[in-house]
Protein backbone atom coordinates (compact mmCIF):
# COMPACT_ATOMS: atom_id res chain seq x y z
CA MET A 1 -9.74 5.08 -11.06
CA VAL A 2 -6.87 5.91 -8.73
CA ALA A 3 -7.74 6.95 -5.18
CA ASP A 4 -7.12 10.57 -4.19
CA TRP A 5 -4.47 9.67 -1.61
CA LEU A 6 -2.44 7.74 -4.24
CA ARG A 7 -2.87 10.55 -6.77
CA PHE A 8 -1.55 12.99 -4.14
CA GLU A 9 1.45 10.79 -3.22
CA ILE A 10 2.43 10.23 -6.87
CA ALA A 11 2.07 13.92 -7.73
CA SER A 12 4.06 14.95 -4.66
CA GLY A 13 6.82 12.43 -5.38
CA LEU A 14 7.07 13.47 -9.02
CA GLN A 15 7.25 17.15 -8.06
CA LYS A 16 10.18 16.37 -5.77
CA LEU A 17 11.87 14.34 -8.51
CA LEU A 18 11.32 17.24 -10.89
CA ALA A 19 13.12 19.53 -8.46
CA LEU A 20 16.20 17.27 -8.61
CA ARG A 21 16.62 18.00 -12.35
CA LEU A 22 17.89 14.52 -13.08
CA VAL A 23 19.01 13.51 -16.56
CA GLY A 24 15.90 12.69 -18.58
CA THR A 25 13.59 14.86 -16.46
CA PRO A 26 10.47 15.74 -18.47
CA PRO A 27 9.91 19.42 -19.16
CA GLU A 28 7.77 21.22 -16.57
CA ASP A 29 4.89 21.58 -19.03
CA ALA A 30 4.83 17.77 -19.49
CA ILE A 31 4.76 16.83 -15.80
CA VAL A 32 0.95 16.58 -15.71
CA GLY A 33 1.02 14.09 -18.59
CA THR A 34 3.91 12.27 -16.92
CA ALA A 35 1.90 12.01 -13.71
CA GLU A 36 -1.07 10.61 -15.64
CA VAL A 37 1.13 7.91 -17.17
CA TRP A 38 2.47 7.02 -13.71
CA LEU A 39 -1.06 6.90 -12.30
CA GLU A 40 -2.17 4.66 -15.14
CA ALA A 41 0.77 2.36 -14.41
CA MET A 42 -0.23 2.26 -10.72
CA GLU A 43 -3.84 1.54 -11.62
CA HIS A 44 -2.95 -1.43 -13.82
CA CYS A 45 -0.09 -2.97 -11.84
CA GLY A 46 -2.22 -5.61 -10.12
CA ILE A 47 -2.15 -4.10 -6.64
CA GLY A 48 -5.38 -3.41 -4.83
CA TRP A 49 -4.18 -0.14 -3.33
CA ALA A 50 -5.27 0.55 0.25
CA GLU A 51 -4.27 3.77 1.97
CA HIS A 52 -3.70 2.22 5.38
CA LEU A 53 -1.44 -0.46 3.85
CA ASP A 54 0.28 1.43 1.05
CA ARG A 55 0.57 5.16 1.69
CA GLU A 56 3.79 4.83 3.70
CA ARG A 57 5.22 2.31 1.18
CA VAL A 58 4.65 4.78 -1.67
CA HIS A 59 6.29 7.54 0.35
CA ARG A 60 9.30 5.31 1.17
CA ALA A 61 9.64 4.23 -2.47
CA PHE A 62 9.95 7.86 -3.55
CA GLN A 63 12.48 8.52 -0.78
CA THR A 64 14.51 5.62 -2.15
CA LEU A 65 14.29 7.02 -5.68
CA PHE A 66 15.47 10.44 -4.45
CA ARG A 67 18.52 8.74 -2.99
CA ILE A 68 19.46 6.27 -5.75
CA CYS A 69 18.50 7.87 -9.05
CA ASP A 70 20.82 9.84 -11.26
CA ARG A 71 18.32 9.63 -14.15
CA TRP A 72 14.56 10.21 -14.26
CA PRO A 73 12.98 6.94 -13.03
CA SER A 74 10.29 4.90 -14.70
CA PRO A 75 7.18 3.60 -12.95
CA LYS A 76 8.84 0.16 -13.06
CA LEU A 77 11.77 1.41 -11.00
CA PHE A 78 9.29 2.90 -8.54
CA MET A 79 7.46 -0.44 -8.29
CA ASP A 80 10.76 -2.30 -7.89
CA ASN A 81 11.48 -0.12 -4.85
CA LEU A 82 8.00 -0.21 -3.36
CA GLY A 83 8.78 -2.97 -0.88
CA ALA A 84 6.41 -5.38 0.76
CA ARG A 85 3.45 -4.44 2.87
CA ASP A 86 3.95 -4.60 6.60
CA PRO A 87 2.58 -7.85 8.02
CA PRO A 88 -0.70 -7.55 9.87
CA LYS A 89 -0.51 -7.15 13.62
CA ALA A 90 -0.82 -10.42 15.48
CA LEU A 91 -3.98 -11.06 17.38
CA PRO A 92 -3.60 -11.17 21.15
CA ALA A 93 -3.56 -14.58 22.78
CA PRO A 94 -7.04 -15.72 23.73
CA ARG A 95 -7.94 -15.20 27.35
CA LEU A 96 -8.82 -18.43 29.07
CA THR A 97 -10.87 -18.72 32.19
CA PRO A 98 -9.30 -20.75 35.01
CA GLU A 99 -11.84 -23.50 34.25
CA GLU A 100 -10.83 -23.60 30.56
CA ARG A 101 -7.16 -23.68 31.55
CA GLU A 102 -7.78 -26.68 33.85
CA GLN A 103 -9.82 -28.46 31.15
CA ASN A 104 -6.96 -27.95 28.68
CA LYS A 105 -4.40 -29.29 31.18
CA ALA A 106 -6.56 -32.34 31.87
CA ARG A 107 -7.00 -33.01 28.15
CA PHE A 108 -3.26 -32.64 27.58
CA ARG A 109 -2.58 -35.18 30.39
CA GLU A 110 -5.06 -37.59 28.75
CA ILE A 111 -3.33 -37.26 25.40
CA MET A 112 0.09 -37.82 26.96
CA GLU A 113 -1.19 -40.94 28.78
CA LEU A 114 -2.69 -42.30 25.54
CA LEU A 115 0.60 -41.73 23.72
CA ALA A 116 2.59 -43.41 26.49
CA LYS A 117 0.17 -46.38 26.54
CA SER A 118 0.34 -46.65 22.74
CA LYS A 119 4.14 -46.65 22.85
CA ARG A 120 4.18 -49.42 25.51
CA THR A 121 1.86 -51.65 23.47
CA GLN A 122 3.71 -51.31 20.16
CA PRO A 123 5.99 -54.24 19.32
CA ASN A 124 9.67 -53.41 19.47
CA ARG A 125 10.61 -53.20 15.81
CA ASN A 126 14.33 -53.06 16.56
CA LYS A 127 14.51 -56.52 18.22
CA GLY A 128 17.09 -58.65 16.53
CA ALA A 129 18.65 -55.69 14.76
CA THR A 130 22.39 -55.44 15.00
CA SER A 131 24.14 -52.21 15.72
């Protein structure tokens, strides 16, 4: 079943498209059936619709259709213009105590010393190589 917010957005977008009187516009008495077909397409398109992630995308997709269509669009054209979800907001950097910061610096120095020591003890593999 389609969520109420998606039902509202699809119905609102289709009403606006209807007002444009594009070529292929369904008759006014068929718009309810047209909306049901669109809602069925949305329900079975493989998207787990979430209002906080998708409401604005649905709205923008209809705005795009209003601008680009000269014929009545299909649900596929709507989906093709839906766009990607906005990426999630990044988490803030973790707050370190001064003690944790010093521990991290000390550990980093240890790692750098180990790498330097390892590099000094490795045999030079380029000895005898000609340039």
